[in-house]
């Protein structure tokens, strides 16, 4: 099964506010963009991925991610993460009603294409499924097979909410790169330990050179 991924991305100036203890405000947008670039690049290289739709109103992010091969959809609802995911799903299904659609976080800088393919291949066995994050509280991936809706419930305790809504929890080992999202300094250090993409590596090097 080939999947279309919907990746929501808030304006870079407002992204990754919880990294304020690690990165100066002027560096956080660059980090957020680097995370998204490495996430999109790895996703597009995955054998299980047909294409990627990024939902964002950020002009810079839109240009940079389009250059990697993503399709950009304006965040017309402007009503937060779940509304952006639902809008992206609607954009995909408007042209391809029978698409298999998955929502993926934009902050997976250590993402490995092969690990993502493993997760998506398992998800194809279920009408709806999700992968919990490394903290086992949130969600990094939510999938809907053809004929199914995502019904996104991202945010606080999304693992419990997606499970309660009937999505199957995917239990896989050795897919840490698909689970390690980055919200805090500790998350960033964990991603760096896994090995991040080139853009995040360069942004992290700028952090170190700035003494942060």
N, C-alpha and C. Protein backbone atom coordinates (compact mmCIF):
# COMPACT_ATOMS: atom_id res chain seq x y z
N UNK A 1 0.85 -1.19 0.00
CA UNK A 1 0.00 0.00 0.00
C UNK A 1 0.88 1.24 0.00
N UNK A 2 0.55 2.18 -0.87
CA UNK A 2 1.26 3.46 -0.93
C UNK A 2 0.45 4.52 -0.19
N UNK A 3 1.11 5.28 0.62
CA UNK A 3 0.45 6.25 1.49
C UNK A 3 0.74 7.68 1.06
N UNK A 4 -0.26 8.52 1.25
CA UNK A 4 -0.05 9.97 1.19
C UNK A 4 0.04 10.48 2.62
N UNK A 5 1.11 11.18 2.93
CA UNK A 5 1.31 11.71 4.28
C UNK A 5 0.86 13.16 4.34
N UNK A 6 0.14 13.49 5.39
CA UNK A 6 -0.24 14.86 5.70
C UNK A 6 0.61 15.31 6.88
N UNK A 7 1.38 16.37 6.68
CA UNK A 7 2.27 16.88 7.73
C UNK A 7 1.88 18.32 8.04
N UNK A 8 1.30 18.56 9.22
CA UNK A 8 0.95 19.93 9.59
C UNK A 8 2.15 20.66 10.18
N UNK A 9 2.28 21.93 9.85
CA UNK A 9 3.40 22.73 10.35
C UNK A 9 2.92 24.14 10.65
N UNK A 10 3.02 24.53 11.91
CA UNK A 10 2.60 25.88 12.29
C UNK A 10 3.63 26.90 11.82
N UNK A 11 3.27 28.18 11.78
CA UNK A 11 4.26 29.20 11.39
C UNK A 11 5.54 29.08 12.22
N UNK A 12 6.67 29.18 11.56
CA UNK A 12 7.95 28.92 12.22
C UNK A 12 8.19 29.84 13.41
N UNK A 13 7.71 31.06 13.35
CA UNK A 13 7.94 32.00 14.44
C UNK A 13 7.27 31.55 15.74
N UNK A 14 6.25 30.70 15.61
CA UNK A 14 5.53 30.21 16.80
C UNK A 14 5.84 28.76 17.12
N UNK A 15 6.72 28.16 16.35
CA UNK A 15 7.00 26.73 16.51
C UNK A 15 8.03 26.49 17.60
N UNK A 16 7.88 25.35 18.24
CA UNK A 16 8.86 24.83 19.19
C UNK A 16 9.15 25.79 20.35
N UNK A 17 8.10 26.34 20.93
CA UNK A 17 8.27 27.28 22.05
C UNK A 17 8.89 26.60 23.27
N UNK A 18 8.69 25.28 23.39
CA UNK A 18 9.23 24.57 24.55
C UNK A 18 10.74 24.35 24.45
N UNK A 19 11.32 24.73 23.32
CA UNK A 19 12.78 24.66 23.19
C UNK A 19 13.45 25.94 23.67
N UNK A 20 12.69 26.83 24.28
CA UNK A 20 13.26 28.11 24.71
C UNK A 20 14.35 27.93 25.77
N UNK A 21 14.34 26.79 26.47
CA UNK A 21 15.40 26.54 27.45
C UNK A 21 16.68 26.05 26.79
N UNK A 22 16.59 25.71 25.49
CA UNK A 22 17.74 25.16 24.77
C UNK A 22 18.24 26.09 23.67
N UNK A 23 17.30 26.72 22.97
CA UNK A 23 17.66 27.56 21.82
C UNK A 23 17.12 28.96 22.01
N UNK A 24 17.93 29.95 21.69
CA UNK A 24 17.47 31.33 21.72
C UNK A 24 16.32 31.50 20.73
N UNK A 25 15.45 32.47 21.02
CA UNK A 25 14.27 32.67 20.19
C UNK A 25 14.61 32.83 18.73
N UNK A 26 15.75 33.47 18.42
CA UNK A 26 16.13 33.67 17.04
C UNK A 26 16.53 32.39 16.32
N UNK A 27 16.88 31.35 17.07
CA UNK A 27 17.31 30.09 16.48
C UNK A 27 16.18 29.07 16.39
N UNK A 28 15.13 29.23 17.17
CA UNK A 28 14.05 28.25 17.18
C UNK A 28 13.37 28.09 15.81
N UNK A 29 13.06 29.17 15.09
CA UNK A 29 12.46 28.97 13.77
C UNK A 29 13.34 28.16 12.83
N UNK A 30 14.65 28.41 12.89
CA UNK A 30 15.57 27.66 12.03
C UNK A 30 15.58 26.18 12.41
N UNK A 31 15.52 25.91 13.70
CA UNK A 31 15.45 24.51 14.15
C UNK A 31 14.17 23.85 13.66
N UNK A 32 13.04 24.55 13.83
CA UNK A 32 11.76 23.99 13.42
C UNK A 32 11.75 23.69 11.92
N UNK A 33 12.32 24.59 11.13
CA UNK A 33 12.38 24.37 9.69
C UNK A 33 13.28 23.18 9.38
N UNK A 34 14.42 23.08 10.05
CA UNK A 34 15.33 21.96 9.82
C UNK A 34 14.66 20.64 10.16
N UNK A 35 13.94 20.59 11.29
CA UNK A 35 13.21 19.38 11.65
C UNK A 35 12.27 18.97 10.52
N UNK A 36 11.50 19.95 10.04
CA UNK A 36 10.50 19.66 9.01
C UNK A 36 11.17 19.22 7.71
N UNK A 37 12.26 19.87 7.35
CA UNK A 37 12.96 19.48 6.11
C UNK A 37 13.48 18.05 6.19
N UNK A 38 14.09 17.69 7.30
CA UNK A 38 14.62 16.33 7.43
C UNK A 38 13.49 15.31 7.50
N UNK A 39 12.39 15.68 8.14
CA UNK A 39 11.23 14.79 8.20
C UNK A 39 10.66 14.55 6.81
N UNK A 40 10.43 15.62 6.06
CA UNK A 40 9.84 15.50 4.72
C UNK A 40 10.78 14.74 3.78
N UNK A 41 12.06 15.04 3.84
CA UNK A 41 13.02 14.36 2.95
C UNK A 41 13.03 12.86 3.22
N UNK A 42 13.06 12.47 4.48
CA UNK A 42 13.07 11.04 4.81
C UNK A 42 11.74 10.38 4.44
N UNK A 43 10.64 11.09 4.64
CA UNK A 43 9.33 10.53 4.29
C UNK A 43 9.22 10.29 2.79
N UNK A 44 9.64 11.26 2.00
CA UNK A 44 9.54 11.12 0.55
C UNK A 44 10.44 10.00 0.02
N UNK A 45 11.48 9.67 0.75
CA UNK A 45 12.39 8.60 0.33
C UNK A 45 11.92 7.22 0.77
N UNK A 46 10.83 7.16 1.52
CA UNK A 46 10.34 5.88 2.02
C UNK A 46 9.60 5.11 0.92
N UNK A 47 9.84 3.82 0.84
CA UNK A 47 9.21 2.99 -0.18
C UNK A 47 7.69 2.92 -0.02
N UNK A 48 7.19 3.20 1.17
CA UNK A 48 5.75 3.09 1.42
C UNK A 48 5.01 4.40 1.15
N UNK A 49 5.72 5.46 0.81
CA UNK A 49 5.13 6.79 0.69
C UNK A 49 4.99 7.17 -0.78
N UNK A 50 3.76 7.52 -1.15
CA UNK A 50 3.50 7.99 -2.51
C UNK A 50 3.82 9.47 -2.65
N UNK A 51 3.34 10.27 -1.71
CA UNK A 51 3.61 11.71 -1.73
C UNK A 51 3.34 12.30 -0.36
N UNK A 52 3.68 13.57 -0.23
CA UNK A 52 3.56 14.28 1.05
C UNK A 52 2.85 15.60 0.81
N UNK A 53 1.88 15.89 1.65
CA UNK A 53 1.18 17.18 1.65
C UNK A 53 1.50 17.88 2.97
N UNK A 54 2.10 19.05 2.89
CA UNK A 54 2.40 19.83 4.09
C UNK A 54 1.35 20.94 4.21
N UNK A 55 0.70 21.00 5.35
CA UNK A 55 -0.31 22.03 5.60
C UNK A 55 0.34 23.13 6.42
N UNK A 56 0.56 24.28 5.80
CA UNK A 56 1.22 25.37 6.49
C UNK A 56 0.90 26.70 5.83
N UNK A 57 0.93 27.76 6.63
CA UNK A 57 0.80 29.12 6.11
C UNK A 57 2.13 29.86 6.15
N UNK A 58 3.19 29.16 6.52
CA UNK A 58 4.50 29.80 6.60
C UNK A 58 5.13 29.83 5.20
N UNK A 59 5.38 31.02 4.69
CA UNK A 59 5.87 31.16 3.31
C UNK A 59 7.25 30.53 3.13
N UNK A 60 8.15 30.79 4.06
CA UNK A 60 9.50 30.23 3.95
C UNK A 60 9.44 28.71 3.99
N UNK A 61 8.75 28.16 4.97
CA UNK A 61 8.65 26.71 5.07
C UNK A 61 8.01 26.12 3.83
N UNK A 62 6.98 26.78 3.32
CA UNK A 62 6.34 26.30 2.11
C UNK A 62 7.30 26.21 0.94
N UNK A 63 8.11 27.26 0.75
CA UNK A 63 9.08 27.24 -0.35
C UNK A 63 10.12 26.15 -0.18
N UNK A 64 10.66 26.03 1.03
CA UNK A 64 11.73 25.06 1.26
C UNK A 64 11.23 23.63 1.15
N UNK A 65 10.04 23.37 1.66
CA UNK A 65 9.51 22.00 1.62
C UNK A 65 9.00 21.64 0.23
N UNK A 66 8.48 22.62 -0.48
CA UNK A 66 8.10 22.36 -1.88
C UNK A 66 9.33 22.01 -2.71
N UNK A 67 10.45 22.65 -2.41
CA UNK A 67 11.68 22.36 -3.14
C UNK A 67 12.14 20.92 -2.93
N UNK A 68 11.74 20.33 -1.82
CA UNK A 68 12.08 18.93 -1.56
C UNK A 68 11.13 17.96 -2.26
N UNK A 69 10.00 18.49 -2.74
CA UNK A 69 9.04 17.63 -3.43
C UNK A 69 7.70 17.51 -2.77
N UNK A 70 7.49 18.22 -1.67
CA UNK A 70 6.19 18.17 -0.99
C UNK A 70 5.18 19.09 -1.69
N UNK A 71 3.93 18.74 -1.59
CA UNK A 71 2.84 19.61 -2.03
C UNK A 71 2.44 20.47 -0.84
N UNK A 72 2.25 21.75 -1.05
CA UNK A 72 1.91 22.66 0.04
C UNK A 72 0.43 23.03 -0.04
N UNK A 73 -0.25 22.87 1.08
CA UNK A 73 -1.66 23.26 1.18
C UNK A 73 -1.78 24.34 2.25
N UNK A 74 -2.35 25.50 1.94
CA UNK A 74 -2.53 26.54 2.96
C UNK A 74 -3.40 26.02 4.11
N UNK A 75 -3.08 26.48 5.29
CA UNK A 75 -3.85 26.08 6.48
C UNK A 75 -5.11 26.94 6.55
N UNK A 76 -6.06 26.62 5.71
CA UNK A 76 -7.26 27.45 5.60
C UNK A 76 -8.09 27.50 6.88
N UNK A 77 -8.21 26.39 7.64
CA UNK A 77 -8.98 26.51 8.89
C UNK A 77 -8.31 27.44 9.89
N UNK A 78 -6.97 27.38 9.98
CA UNK A 78 -6.25 28.20 10.95
C UNK A 78 -6.74 27.98 12.36
N UNK A 79 -7.08 26.74 12.66
CA UNK A 79 -7.71 26.44 13.96
C UNK A 79 -6.96 25.38 14.74
N UNK A 80 -5.66 25.27 14.51
CA UNK A 80 -4.87 24.34 15.30
C UNK A 80 -4.53 23.07 14.56
N UNK A 81 -3.82 22.20 15.27
CA UNK A 81 -3.22 21.01 14.69
C UNK A 81 -4.24 20.05 14.09
N UNK A 82 -5.27 19.70 14.86
CA UNK A 82 -6.23 18.71 14.37
C UNK A 82 -7.02 19.23 13.18
N UNK A 83 -7.37 20.50 13.21
CA UNK A 83 -8.08 21.08 12.06
C UNK A 83 -7.18 21.09 10.83
N UNK A 84 -5.89 21.34 11.01
CA UNK A 84 -4.95 21.34 9.89
C UNK A 84 -4.83 19.94 9.30
N UNK A 85 -4.76 18.92 10.16
CA UNK A 85 -4.67 17.54 9.68
C UNK A 85 -5.93 17.17 8.90
N UNK A 86 -7.10 17.50 9.46
CA UNK A 86 -8.36 17.18 8.78
C UNK A 86 -8.46 17.90 7.43
N UNK A 87 -7.98 19.14 7.39
CA UNK A 87 -7.99 19.87 6.14
C UNK A 87 -7.07 19.22 5.12
N UNK A 88 -5.88 18.83 5.55
CA UNK A 88 -4.96 18.15 4.64
C UNK A 88 -5.54 16.85 4.11
N UNK A 89 -6.20 16.11 4.98
CA UNK A 89 -6.85 14.87 4.54
C UNK A 89 -7.92 15.16 3.49
N UNK A 90 -8.69 16.22 3.72
CA UNK A 90 -9.73 16.59 2.75
C UNK A 90 -9.13 16.99 1.41
N UNK A 91 -8.01 17.69 1.44
CA UNK A 91 -7.33 18.09 0.20
C UNK A 91 -6.91 16.85 -0.58
N UNK A 92 -6.35 15.88 0.11
CA UNK A 92 -5.90 14.65 -0.54
C UNK A 92 -7.09 13.90 -1.13
N UNK A 93 -8.12 13.72 -0.32
CA UNK A 93 -9.25 12.90 -0.74
C UNK A 93 -10.11 13.59 -1.80
N UNK A 94 -9.99 14.91 -1.94
CA UNK A 94 -10.74 15.61 -2.97
C UNK A 94 -10.31 15.17 -4.37
N UNK A 95 -9.04 14.88 -4.52
CA UNK A 95 -8.54 14.45 -5.83
C UNK A 95 -8.36 12.94 -5.93
N UNK A 96 -8.12 12.28 -4.77
CA UNK A 96 -7.94 10.83 -4.76
C UNK A 96 -8.73 10.24 -3.60
N UNK A 97 -10.04 10.01 -3.80
CA UNK A 97 -10.90 9.57 -2.69
C UNK A 97 -10.46 8.25 -2.06
N UNK A 98 -9.80 7.41 -2.82
CA UNK A 98 -9.43 6.10 -2.31
C UNK A 98 -8.01 6.03 -1.76
N UNK A 99 -7.42 7.17 -1.48
CA UNK A 99 -6.05 7.19 -0.96
C UNK A 99 -5.98 6.64 0.46
N UNK A 100 -4.89 5.97 0.75
CA UNK A 100 -4.53 5.68 2.12
C UNK A 100 -3.79 6.91 2.65
N UNK A 101 -4.25 7.45 3.77
CA UNK A 101 -3.73 8.72 4.27
C UNK A 101 -3.18 8.54 5.68
N UNK A 102 -2.06 9.18 5.95
CA UNK A 102 -1.48 9.16 7.29
C UNK A 102 -1.05 10.56 7.67
N UNK A 103 -1.26 10.91 8.92
CA UNK A 103 -0.78 12.18 9.47
C UNK A 103 0.53 11.91 10.21
N UNK A 104 1.54 12.69 9.89
CA UNK A 104 2.87 12.51 10.48
C UNK A 104 3.33 13.82 11.09
N UNK A 105 3.95 13.75 12.26
CA UNK A 105 4.49 14.95 12.89
C UNK A 105 5.61 15.55 12.03
N UNK A 106 5.76 16.86 12.15
CA UNK A 106 6.80 17.57 11.38
C UNK A 106 8.12 17.65 12.12
N UNK A 107 8.17 17.10 13.32
CA UNK A 107 9.38 17.25 14.16
C UNK A 107 10.03 15.91 14.46
N UNK A 108 10.35 15.18 13.38
CA UNK A 108 11.00 13.87 13.51
C UNK A 108 12.35 13.92 12.78
N UNK A 109 13.30 14.69 13.28
CA UNK A 109 14.54 14.94 12.53
C UNK A 109 15.44 13.73 12.38
N UNK A 110 15.20 12.68 13.17
CA UNK A 110 16.00 11.46 13.04
C UNK A 110 15.31 10.40 12.18
N UNK A 111 14.22 10.77 11.54
CA UNK A 111 13.40 9.81 10.80
C UNK A 111 14.20 9.01 9.79
N UNK A 112 14.01 7.69 9.82
CA UNK A 112 14.64 6.77 8.86
C UNK A 112 13.55 6.27 7.91
N UNK A 113 13.82 6.36 6.62
CA UNK A 113 12.84 5.98 5.61
C UNK A 113 12.40 4.53 5.76
N UNK A 114 13.34 3.64 6.01
CA UNK A 114 13.01 2.21 6.13
C UNK A 114 12.16 1.93 7.36
N UNK A 115 12.43 2.63 8.46
CA UNK A 115 11.62 2.43 9.67
C UNK A 115 10.20 2.94 9.44
N UNK A 116 10.08 4.06 8.76
CA UNK A 116 8.74 4.57 8.44
C UNK A 116 7.99 3.57 7.58
N UNK A 117 8.66 2.96 6.62
CA UNK A 117 8.01 1.96 5.77
C UNK A 117 7.52 0.77 6.58
N UNK A 118 8.31 0.34 7.55
CA UNK A 118 7.89 -0.77 8.41
C UNK A 118 6.61 -0.43 9.16
N UNK A 119 6.56 0.77 9.69
CA UNK A 119 5.38 1.19 10.44
C UNK A 119 4.16 1.27 9.53
N UNK A 120 4.33 1.86 8.36
CA UNK A 120 3.20 2.01 7.45
C UNK A 120 2.75 0.66 6.90
N UNK A 121 3.66 -0.25 6.67
CA UNK A 121 3.28 -1.58 6.21
C UNK A 121 2.42 -2.30 7.25
N UNK A 122 2.76 -2.16 8.52
CA UNK A 122 1.93 -2.76 9.57
C UNK A 122 0.59 -2.04 9.68
N UNK A 123 0.61 -0.73 9.55
CA UNK A 123 -0.63 0.05 9.65
C UNK A 123 -1.63 -0.36 8.57
N UNK A 124 -1.14 -0.83 7.43
CA UNK A 124 -2.02 -1.23 6.33
C UNK A 124 -2.93 -2.39 6.71
N UNK A 125 -2.64 -3.07 7.80
CA UNK A 125 -3.45 -4.20 8.25
C UNK A 125 -4.68 -3.75 9.04
N UNK A 126 -4.80 -2.45 9.33
CA UNK A 126 -5.87 -1.95 10.18
C UNK A 126 -6.63 -0.82 9.48
N UNK A 127 -7.93 -0.66 9.78
CA UNK A 127 -8.67 0.49 9.23
C UNK A 127 -8.07 1.81 9.67
N UNK A 128 -7.76 1.92 10.95
CA UNK A 128 -7.11 3.11 11.51
C UNK A 128 -6.08 2.64 12.51
N UNK A 129 -4.95 3.33 12.56
CA UNK A 129 -3.90 2.92 13.48
C UNK A 129 -3.07 4.13 13.87
N UNK A 130 -2.28 3.97 14.94
CA UNK A 130 -1.41 5.07 15.36
C UNK A 130 -0.16 4.50 16.00
N UNK A 131 0.88 5.34 16.01
CA UNK A 131 2.14 5.01 16.66
C UNK A 131 2.37 5.99 17.79
N UNK A 132 2.55 5.50 19.02
CA UNK A 132 2.82 6.42 20.12
C UNK A 132 4.22 7.00 20.03
N UNK A 133 4.39 8.17 20.65
CA UNK A 133 5.70 8.81 20.64
C UNK A 133 6.64 8.13 21.63
N UNK A 134 7.87 8.60 21.68
CA UNK A 134 8.88 7.98 22.54
C UNK A 134 8.52 8.08 24.01
N UNK A 135 7.76 9.10 24.37
CA UNK A 135 7.34 9.27 25.77
C UNK A 135 6.13 8.41 26.11
N UNK A 136 5.55 7.73 25.13
CA UNK A 136 4.37 6.87 25.27
C UNK A 136 3.15 7.64 25.78
N UNK A 137 3.09 8.91 25.48
CA UNK A 137 1.95 9.75 25.88
C UNK A 137 1.27 10.32 24.64
N UNK A 138 2.08 10.76 23.70
CA UNK A 138 1.55 11.39 22.51
C UNK A 138 1.51 10.44 21.32
N UNK A 139 1.38 11.01 20.13
CA UNK A 139 1.26 10.26 18.88
C UNK A 139 2.13 10.94 17.83
N UNK A 140 2.89 10.14 17.08
CA UNK A 140 3.67 10.72 15.99
C UNK A 140 3.10 10.39 14.62
N UNK A 141 2.28 9.34 14.52
CA UNK A 141 1.73 8.90 13.24
C UNK A 141 0.32 8.36 13.46
N UNK A 142 -0.60 8.79 12.61
CA UNK A 142 -1.99 8.32 12.64
C UNK A 142 -2.37 7.96 11.21
N UNK A 143 -2.93 6.78 11.01
CA UNK A 143 -3.21 6.31 9.66
C UNK A 143 -4.68 5.97 9.45
N UNK A 144 -5.11 6.10 8.21
CA UNK A 144 -6.47 5.72 7.82
C UNK A 144 -6.40 5.04 6.46
N UNK A 145 -6.89 3.81 6.40
CA UNK A 145 -6.91 3.07 5.15
C UNK A 145 -7.93 3.66 4.19
N UNK A 146 -7.90 3.28 2.93
CA UNK A 146 -8.91 3.77 2.00
C UNK A 146 -10.33 3.53 2.53
N UNK A 147 -11.16 4.55 2.41
CA UNK A 147 -12.52 4.45 2.89
C UNK A 147 -12.68 4.80 4.36
N UNK A 148 -11.59 5.09 5.06
CA UNK A 148 -11.63 5.45 6.48
C UNK A 148 -11.21 6.91 6.65
N UNK A 149 -11.62 7.50 7.76
CA UNK A 149 -11.23 8.86 8.10
C UNK A 149 -10.21 8.84 9.23
N UNK A 150 -9.33 9.83 9.26
CA UNK A 150 -8.30 9.88 10.29
C UNK A 150 -8.88 10.13 11.69
N UNK A 151 -9.81 11.06 11.79
CA UNK A 151 -10.34 11.49 13.10
C UNK A 151 -9.19 11.86 14.05
N UNK A 152 -8.40 12.86 13.70
CA UNK A 152 -7.22 13.19 14.51
C UNK A 152 -7.59 13.72 15.88
N UNK A 153 -6.81 13.30 16.87
CA UNK A 153 -6.99 13.77 18.25
C UNK A 153 -5.63 14.06 18.85
N UNK A 154 -4.79 14.77 18.08
CA UNK A 154 -3.45 15.12 18.56
C UNK A 154 -3.54 16.12 19.70
N UNK A 155 -2.46 16.21 20.46
CA UNK A 155 -2.44 17.11 21.61
C UNK A 155 -2.18 16.32 22.87
N UNK A 156 -2.54 16.90 24.00
CA UNK A 156 -2.29 16.26 25.29
C UNK A 156 -2.93 14.88 25.36
N UNK A 157 -2.14 13.88 25.78
CA UNK A 157 -2.62 12.51 25.96
C UNK A 157 -3.23 11.93 24.69
N UNK A 158 -2.66 12.25 23.53
CA UNK A 158 -3.27 11.78 22.29
C UNK A 158 -3.18 10.26 22.13
N UNK A 159 -2.20 9.63 22.75
CA UNK A 159 -2.15 8.17 22.68
C UNK A 159 -3.44 7.58 23.25
N UNK A 160 -3.83 8.03 24.42
CA UNK A 160 -5.05 7.50 25.04
C UNK A 160 -6.28 7.88 24.23
N UNK A 161 -6.30 9.08 23.68
CA UNK A 161 -7.47 9.52 22.93
C UNK A 161 -7.61 8.80 21.60
N UNK A 162 -6.51 8.56 20.92
CA UNK A 162 -6.59 7.81 19.66
C UNK A 162 -7.01 6.36 19.92
N UNK A 163 -6.50 5.80 20.99
CA UNK A 163 -6.89 4.43 21.33
C UNK A 163 -8.38 4.37 21.68
N UNK A 164 -8.85 5.33 22.46
CA UNK A 164 -10.26 5.37 22.84
C UNK A 164 -11.17 5.57 21.64
N UNK A 165 -10.65 6.22 20.61
CA UNK A 165 -11.44 6.47 19.40
C UNK A 165 -11.42 5.28 18.44
N UNK A 166 -10.77 4.19 18.82
CA UNK A 166 -10.84 2.97 18.03
C UNK A 166 -9.66 2.71 17.11
N UNK A 167 -8.64 3.56 17.13
CA UNK A 167 -7.46 3.30 16.31
C UNK A 167 -6.59 2.24 16.98
N UNK A 168 -6.03 1.35 16.18
CA UNK A 168 -5.17 0.30 16.70
C UNK A 168 -3.79 0.87 17.03
N UNK A 169 -3.28 0.52 18.19
CA UNK A 169 -1.93 0.96 18.55
C UNK A 169 -0.90 0.03 17.92
N UNK A 170 0.03 0.61 17.19
CA UNK A 170 1.05 -0.18 16.52
C UNK A 170 2.20 -0.46 17.49
N UNK A 171 2.50 -1.72 17.68
CA UNK A 171 3.55 -2.12 18.60
C UNK A 171 4.70 -2.72 17.80
N UNK A 172 5.74 -1.94 17.64
CA UNK A 172 6.91 -2.35 16.86
C UNK A 172 8.16 -1.98 17.63
N UNK A 173 9.18 -2.78 17.48
CA UNK A 173 10.49 -2.43 18.04
C UNK A 173 11.38 -1.91 16.91
N UNK A 174 12.43 -1.24 17.30
CA UNK A 174 13.44 -0.73 16.36
C UNK A 174 12.86 0.22 15.32
N UNK A 175 11.92 1.04 15.77
CA UNK A 175 11.41 2.13 14.93
C UNK A 175 11.49 3.44 15.72
N UNK A 176 12.55 3.57 16.50
CA UNK A 176 12.69 4.73 17.38
C UNK A 176 12.69 6.04 16.61
N UNK A 177 13.18 6.02 15.39
CA UNK A 177 13.27 7.28 14.63
C UNK A 177 11.89 7.81 14.26
N UNK A 178 10.89 6.95 14.21
CA UNK A 178 9.52 7.37 13.88
C UNK A 178 8.79 7.84 15.13
N UNK A 179 9.34 7.54 16.29
CA UNK A 179 8.69 7.87 17.56
C UNK A 179 9.31 9.09 18.24
N UNK A 180 10.54 9.44 17.85
CA UNK A 180 11.27 10.49 18.57
C UNK A 180 10.97 11.87 18.01
N UNK A 181 9.86 12.43 18.46
CA UNK A 181 9.58 13.82 18.12
C UNK A 181 10.36 14.73 19.05
N UNK A 182 10.40 16.01 18.73
CA UNK A 182 11.25 16.94 19.48
C UNK A 182 10.43 18.13 19.95
N UNK A 183 10.20 18.18 21.25
CA UNK A 183 9.52 19.32 21.86
C UNK A 183 10.41 20.04 22.87
N UNK A 184 11.33 19.31 23.48
CA UNK A 184 12.16 19.86 24.55
C UNK A 184 13.63 19.64 24.24
N UNK A 185 14.48 20.24 25.06
CA UNK A 185 15.90 20.04 24.90
C UNK A 185 16.30 18.58 25.06
N UNK A 186 15.68 17.89 26.01
CA UNK A 186 15.97 16.47 26.19
C UNK A 186 15.58 15.67 24.95
N UNK A 187 14.45 16.02 24.34
CA UNK A 187 14.03 15.35 23.11
C UNK A 187 15.07 15.57 22.00
N UNK A 188 15.56 16.78 21.90
CA UNK A 188 16.56 17.08 20.87
C UNK A 188 17.82 16.26 21.09
N UNK A 189 18.25 16.17 22.34
CA UNK A 189 19.44 15.38 22.62
C UNK A 189 19.21 13.90 22.28
N UNK A 190 18.00 13.39 22.55
CA UNK A 190 17.69 12.00 22.21
C UNK A 190 17.70 11.81 20.70
N UNK A 191 17.16 12.76 19.95
CA UNK A 191 17.18 12.66 18.49
C UNK A 191 18.60 12.71 17.96
N UNK A 192 19.42 13.60 18.51
CA UNK A 192 20.81 13.69 18.08
C UNK A 192 21.55 12.37 18.34
N UNK A 193 21.22 11.71 19.45
CA UNK A 193 21.85 10.43 19.75
C UNK A 193 21.46 9.36 18.74
N UNK A 194 20.22 9.44 18.22
CA UNK A 194 19.80 8.49 17.19
C UNK A 194 20.48 8.76 15.86
N UNK A 195 20.79 10.04 15.63
CA UNK A 195 21.38 10.45 14.36
C UNK A 195 20.36 11.19 13.53
N UNK A 196 20.52 12.49 13.40
CA UNK A 196 19.53 13.32 12.71
C UNK A 196 19.93 13.57 11.26
N UNK A 197 19.00 14.14 10.51
CA UNK A 197 19.26 14.49 9.12
C UNK A 197 20.24 15.66 9.02
N UNK A 198 20.69 15.95 7.82
CA UNK A 198 21.76 16.94 7.64
C UNK A 198 21.37 18.36 8.02
N UNK A 199 20.13 18.73 7.81
CA UNK A 199 19.71 20.11 8.12
C UNK A 199 19.62 20.32 9.63
N UNK A 200 19.11 19.32 10.34
CA UNK A 200 19.07 19.43 11.80
C UNK A 200 20.47 19.38 12.37
N UNK A 201 21.32 18.56 11.79
CA UNK A 201 22.71 18.50 12.28
C UNK A 201 23.38 19.86 12.15
N UNK A 202 23.14 20.53 11.02
CA UNK A 202 23.74 21.85 10.82
C UNK A 202 23.17 22.86 11.79
N UNK A 203 21.85 22.81 12.02
CA UNK A 203 21.22 23.74 12.97
C UNK A 203 21.71 23.48 14.39
N UNK A 204 21.86 22.23 14.75
CA UNK A 204 22.37 21.89 16.08
C UNK A 204 23.81 22.37 16.25
N UNK A 205 24.59 22.29 15.18
CA UNK A 205 25.97 22.78 15.24
C UNK A 205 25.99 24.28 15.49
N UNK A 206 25.02 25.01 14.90
CA UNK A 206 24.94 26.45 15.15
C UNK A 206 24.59 26.72 16.62
N UNK A 207 23.76 25.87 17.20
CA UNK A 207 23.44 26.00 18.63
C UNK A 207 24.71 25.87 19.46
N UNK A 208 25.49 24.85 19.15
CA UNK A 208 26.70 24.61 19.91
C UNK A 208 27.69 25.76 19.76
N UNK A 209 27.80 26.27 18.53
CA UNK A 209 28.73 27.37 18.30
C UNK A 209 28.30 28.63 19.00
N UNK A 210 26.98 28.75 19.27
CA UNK A 210 26.45 29.91 19.98
C UNK A 210 26.53 29.71 21.49
N UNK A 211 27.01 28.53 21.90
CA UNK A 211 27.15 28.24 23.32
C UNK A 211 25.86 27.91 24.01
N UNK A 212 24.86 27.43 23.26
CA UNK A 212 23.55 27.10 23.84
C UNK A 212 23.41 25.60 24.02
